[in-house]
Amino acid sequence: MPFYFFFGVLGLVIGGLVSWFFMADHPFETPETPGGPVDALEAAFLSGQLEAEGTPVDEETITRLLELHGAYVTGYTRDQEVAAIATPDLE
């Protein structure tokens, strides 16, 4: 009987570790939304909002910008861009 308490504590610790293991890499822990496909409705909405504010931007440009932002959020970078940032031109 005296070991039931310790088995209960051990079960809580193991359950907490298992829960943490499954939740540790969940996407909602980052402030940025994960990159994904860009639909035409989103590009049209953003284009309409910018045009209403006096900054007309075509939907193709917005779609490309959102795709690039999604690639940046998911960690995709080009090797040349990384090399240019790492070693700035000092001419």
N, C-alpha and C. Protein backbone atom coordinates (compact mmCIF):
# COMPACT_ATOMS: atom_id res chain seq x y z
N MET A 1 0.78 -1.21 0.00
CA MET A 1 0.00 0.00 0.00
C MET A 1 0.82 1.27 0.00
N PRO A 2 1.95 1.34 0.64
CA PRO A 2 2.66 2.62 0.69
C PRO A 2 3.24 3.03 -0.67
N PHE A 3 3.33 2.10 -1.61
CA PHE A 3 3.92 2.43 -2.90
C PHE A 3 2.90 3.02 -3.88
N TYR A 4 1.61 2.99 -3.59
CA TYR A 4 0.60 3.52 -4.49
C TYR A 4 0.79 5.03 -4.72
N PHE A 5 1.17 5.73 -3.69
CA PHE A 5 1.41 7.16 -3.82
C PHE A 5 2.55 7.44 -4.80
N PHE A 6 3.64 6.68 -4.67
CA PHE A 6 4.79 6.90 -5.55
C PHE A 6 4.49 6.48 -6.99
N PHE A 7 3.70 5.42 -7.15
CA PHE A 7 3.29 5.05 -8.50
C PHE A 7 2.37 6.11 -9.12
N GLY A 8 1.54 6.73 -8.32
CA GLY A 8 0.70 7.83 -8.81
C GLY A 8 1.53 9.02 -9.25
N VAL A 9 2.52 9.39 -8.46
CA VAL A 9 3.41 10.50 -8.82
C VAL A 9 4.19 10.15 -10.08
N LEU A 10 4.68 8.92 -10.16
CA LEU A 10 5.42 8.48 -11.34
C LEU A 10 4.52 8.51 -12.58
N GLY A 11 3.27 8.12 -12.45
CA GLY A 11 2.33 8.17 -13.57
C GLY A 11 2.06 9.60 -14.03
N LEU A 12 1.95 10.53 -13.08
CA LEU A 12 1.76 11.93 -13.45
C LEU A 12 2.97 12.50 -14.18
N VAL A 13 4.15 12.15 -13.73
CA VAL A 13 5.37 12.62 -14.39
C VAL A 13 5.47 12.05 -15.80
N ILE A 14 5.23 10.77 -15.96
CA ILE A 14 5.31 10.14 -17.28
C ILE A 14 4.22 10.72 -18.19
N GLY A 15 3.02 10.91 -17.68
CA GLY A 15 1.94 11.50 -18.48
C GLY A 15 2.27 12.92 -18.91
N GLY A 16 2.87 13.70 -18.01
CA GLY A 16 3.28 15.07 -18.37
C GLY A 16 4.35 15.08 -19.44
N LEU A 17 5.32 14.17 -19.33
CA LEU A 17 6.38 14.10 -20.35
C LEU A 17 5.84 13.67 -21.70
N VAL A 18 4.92 12.72 -21.71
CA VAL A 18 4.33 12.28 -22.99
C VAL A 18 3.52 13.42 -23.61
N SER A 19 2.75 14.13 -22.79
CA SER A 19 1.98 15.27 -23.32
C SER A 19 2.90 16.35 -23.86
N TRP A 20 3.95 16.65 -23.15
CA TRP A 20 4.91 17.66 -23.62
C TRP A 20 5.57 17.22 -24.92
N PHE A 21 5.90 15.95 -25.03
CA PHE A 21 6.54 15.44 -26.23
C PHE A 21 5.65 15.64 -27.46
N PHE A 22 4.34 15.39 -27.32
CA PHE A 22 3.44 15.55 -28.45
C PHE A 22 3.13 17.01 -28.75
N MET A 23 3.17 17.88 -27.76
CA MET A 23 2.81 19.28 -27.95
C MET A 23 4.03 20.17 -28.23
N ALA A 24 5.24 19.67 -28.07
CA ALA A 24 6.43 20.51 -28.17
C ALA A 24 6.63 21.09 -29.56
N ASP A 25 6.27 20.38 -30.60
CA ASP A 25 6.51 20.86 -31.96
C ASP A 25 5.21 21.29 -32.64
N HIS A 26 4.26 21.73 -31.86
CA HIS A 26 2.98 22.15 -32.43
C HIS A 26 3.14 23.52 -33.07
N PRO A 27 2.53 23.76 -34.25
CA PRO A 27 2.76 25.02 -34.96
C PRO A 27 2.23 26.26 -34.26
N PHE A 28 1.30 26.15 -33.30
CA PHE A 28 0.78 27.36 -32.71
C PHE A 28 1.70 27.98 -31.67
N GLU A 29 2.89 27.41 -31.49
CA GLU A 29 3.81 28.01 -30.52
C GLU A 29 4.61 29.17 -31.12
N THR A 30 4.52 29.38 -32.43
CA THR A 30 5.24 30.48 -33.07
C THR A 30 4.31 31.65 -33.31
N PRO A 31 4.84 32.87 -33.27
CA PRO A 31 3.97 34.03 -33.54
C PRO A 31 3.55 34.14 -35.00
N GLU A 32 4.30 33.57 -35.91
CA GLU A 32 3.98 33.62 -37.33
C GLU A 32 3.09 32.43 -37.71
N THR A 33 2.20 32.65 -38.64
CA THR A 33 1.40 31.55 -39.15
C THR A 33 2.26 30.74 -40.12
N PRO A 34 2.08 29.43 -40.17
CA PRO A 34 2.87 28.64 -41.11
C PRO A 34 2.54 29.00 -42.55
N GLY A 35 3.55 28.95 -43.39
CA GLY A 35 3.33 29.26 -44.80
C GLY A 35 2.52 28.18 -45.46
N GLY A 36 1.74 28.57 -46.40
CA GLY A 36 0.91 27.59 -47.09
C GLY A 36 0.49 28.14 -48.44
N PRO A 37 -0.42 27.46 -49.09
CA PRO A 37 -0.86 27.92 -50.40
C PRO A 37 -1.62 29.24 -50.30
N VAL A 38 -1.46 30.06 -51.31
CA VAL A 38 -2.13 31.36 -51.36
C VAL A 38 -3.29 31.23 -52.33
N ASP A 39 -4.47 31.58 -51.87
CA ASP A 39 -5.62 31.48 -52.76
C ASP A 39 -5.94 32.83 -53.38
N ALA A 40 -6.72 32.80 -54.45
CA ALA A 40 -7.04 34.02 -55.20
C ALA A 40 -7.89 34.97 -54.37
N LEU A 41 -8.73 34.44 -53.49
CA LEU A 41 -9.58 35.29 -52.65
C LEU A 41 -8.74 36.17 -51.72
N GLU A 42 -7.70 35.59 -51.13
CA GLU A 42 -6.83 36.36 -50.24
C GLU A 42 -6.12 37.46 -51.00
N ALA A 43 -5.58 37.15 -52.18
CA ALA A 43 -4.89 38.15 -52.98
C ALA A 43 -5.85 39.25 -53.44
N ALA A 44 -7.06 38.88 -53.83
CA ALA A 44 -8.04 39.88 -54.26
C ALA A 44 -8.46 40.78 -53.10
N PHE A 45 -8.63 40.20 -51.92
CA PHE A 45 -9.00 40.99 -50.75
C PHE A 45 -7.91 42.00 -50.40
N LEU A 46 -6.66 41.54 -50.37
CA LEU A 46 -5.56 42.45 -50.04
C LEU A 46 -5.38 43.53 -51.11
N SER A 47 -5.55 43.16 -52.37
CA SER A 47 -5.45 44.14 -53.44
C SER A 47 -6.54 45.20 -53.31
N GLY A 48 -7.75 44.77 -53.00
CA GLY A 48 -8.86 45.71 -52.82
C GLY A 48 -8.64 46.64 -51.64
N GLN A 49 -8.12 46.10 -50.53
CA GLN A 49 -7.86 46.93 -49.36
C GLN A 49 -6.77 47.96 -49.64
N LEU A 50 -5.70 47.54 -50.31
CA LEU A 50 -4.63 48.49 -50.63
C LEU A 50 -5.09 49.54 -51.62
N GLU A 51 -5.90 49.15 -52.58
CA GLU A 51 -6.41 50.12 -53.56
C GLU A 51 -7.35 51.12 -52.89
N ALA A 52 -8.15 50.66 -51.94
CA ALA A 52 -9.04 51.57 -51.22
C ALA A 52 -8.26 52.59 -50.40
N GLU A 53 -7.05 52.21 -49.97
CA GLU A 53 -6.21 53.13 -49.20
C GLU A 53 -5.35 54.01 -50.09
N GLY A 54 -5.42 53.81 -51.39
CA GLY A 54 -4.67 54.66 -52.32
C GLY A 54 -3.36 54.08 -52.79
N THR A 55 -3.11 52.79 -52.55
CA THR A 55 -1.89 52.14 -53.01
C THR A 55 -2.27 50.96 -53.88
N PRO A 56 -2.46 51.18 -55.19
CA PRO A 56 -2.86 50.05 -56.04
C PRO A 56 -1.71 49.08 -56.28
N VAL A 57 -1.97 47.83 -55.99
CA VAL A 57 -1.00 46.75 -56.22
C VAL A 57 -1.76 45.62 -56.89
N ASP A 58 -1.20 45.06 -57.97
CA ASP A 58 -1.91 44.00 -58.69
C ASP A 58 -1.86 42.69 -57.90
N GLU A 59 -2.80 41.81 -58.20
CA GLU A 59 -2.95 40.57 -57.45
C GLU A 59 -1.77 39.61 -57.65
N GLU A 60 -1.15 39.65 -58.81
CA GLU A 60 0.00 38.77 -59.05
C GLU A 60 1.17 39.12 -58.12
N THR A 61 1.39 40.41 -57.91
CA THR A 61 2.45 40.84 -57.01
C THR A 61 2.15 40.43 -55.57
N ILE A 62 0.90 40.57 -55.18
CA ILE A 62 0.52 40.17 -53.82
C ILE A 62 0.66 38.67 -53.64
N THR A 63 0.25 37.90 -54.63
CA THR A 63 0.39 36.45 -54.56
C THR A 63 1.85 36.05 -54.42
N ARG A 64 2.72 36.66 -55.21
CA ARG A 64 4.15 36.35 -55.13
C ARG A 64 4.72 36.75 -53.77
N LEU A 65 4.31 37.89 -53.26
CA LEU A 65 4.79 38.35 -51.97
C LEU A 65 4.36 37.40 -50.85
N LEU A 66 3.12 36.95 -50.90
CA LEU A 66 2.64 36.00 -49.88
C LEU A 66 3.35 34.65 -49.98
N GLU A 67 3.66 34.22 -51.21
CA GLU A 67 4.41 32.97 -51.37
C GLU A 67 5.82 33.11 -50.80
N LEU A 68 6.46 34.24 -51.06
CA LEU A 68 7.80 34.47 -50.51
C LEU A 68 7.77 34.55 -49.00
N HIS A 69 6.74 35.20 -48.45
CA HIS A 69 6.63 35.28 -47.00
C HIS A 69 6.41 33.90 -46.39
N GLY A 70 5.59 33.07 -47.04
CA GLY A 70 5.39 31.70 -46.57
C GLY A 70 6.67 30.90 -46.59
N ALA A 71 7.48 31.09 -47.64
CA ALA A 71 8.77 30.40 -47.72
C ALA A 71 9.70 30.88 -46.62
N TYR A 72 9.66 32.16 -46.31
CA TYR A 72 10.50 32.70 -45.24
C TYR A 72 10.08 32.14 -43.89
N VAL A 73 8.78 32.07 -43.65
CA VAL A 73 8.28 31.58 -42.37
C VAL A 73 8.63 30.11 -42.17
N THR A 74 8.54 29.32 -43.22
CA THR A 74 8.83 27.90 -43.11
C THR A 74 10.32 27.60 -43.12
N GLY A 75 11.16 28.59 -43.32
CA GLY A 75 12.60 28.39 -43.21
C GLY A 75 13.33 28.25 -44.52
N TYR A 76 12.65 28.43 -45.64
CA TYR A 76 13.31 28.31 -46.94
C TYR A 76 14.09 29.59 -47.22
N THR A 77 15.35 29.44 -47.50
CA THR A 77 16.17 30.58 -47.93
C THR A 77 17.09 30.12 -49.05
N ARG A 78 17.43 31.03 -49.89
CA ARG A 78 18.35 30.70 -50.97
C ARG A 78 19.78 30.80 -50.47
N ASP A 79 20.64 29.95 -50.97
CA ASP A 79 22.03 29.93 -50.53
C ASP A 79 22.73 31.26 -50.82
N GLN A 80 22.42 31.88 -51.96
CA GLN A 80 23.06 33.16 -52.30
C GLN A 80 22.62 34.25 -51.34
N GLU A 81 21.36 34.23 -50.95
CA GLU A 81 20.88 35.24 -50.01
C GLU A 81 21.54 35.08 -48.65
N VAL A 82 21.67 33.85 -48.21
CA VAL A 82 22.31 33.60 -46.92
C VAL A 82 23.78 34.01 -46.97
N ALA A 83 24.45 33.70 -48.07
CA ALA A 83 25.85 34.09 -48.20
C ALA A 83 26.01 35.60 -48.26
N ALA A 84 25.09 36.29 -48.93
CA ALA A 84 25.18 37.76 -49.02
C ALA A 84 24.94 38.41 -47.66
N ILE A 85 24.07 37.84 -46.87
CA ILE A 85 23.82 38.40 -45.53
C ILE A 85 24.99 38.09 -44.61
N ALA A 86 25.55 36.90 -44.73
CA ALA A 86 26.64 36.50 -43.85
C ALA A 86 27.93 37.27 -44.13
N THR A 87 28.19 37.55 -45.39
CA THR A 87 29.41 38.29 -45.75
C THR A 87 29.02 39.50 -46.56
N PRO A 88 28.76 40.63 -45.90
CA PRO A 88 28.38 41.83 -46.67
C PRO A 88 29.55 42.35 -47.50
N ASP A 89 29.18 42.96 -48.61
CA ASP A 89 30.18 43.51 -49.53
C ASP A 89 30.76 44.80 -48.91
N LEU A 90 32.04 44.83 -48.69
CA LEU A 90 32.70 45.96 -48.03
C LEU A 90 33.46 46.85 -48.99
N GLU A 91 32.99 46.97 -50.21
CA GLU A 91 33.69 47.80 -51.20
C GLU A 91 33.42 49.25 -51.00
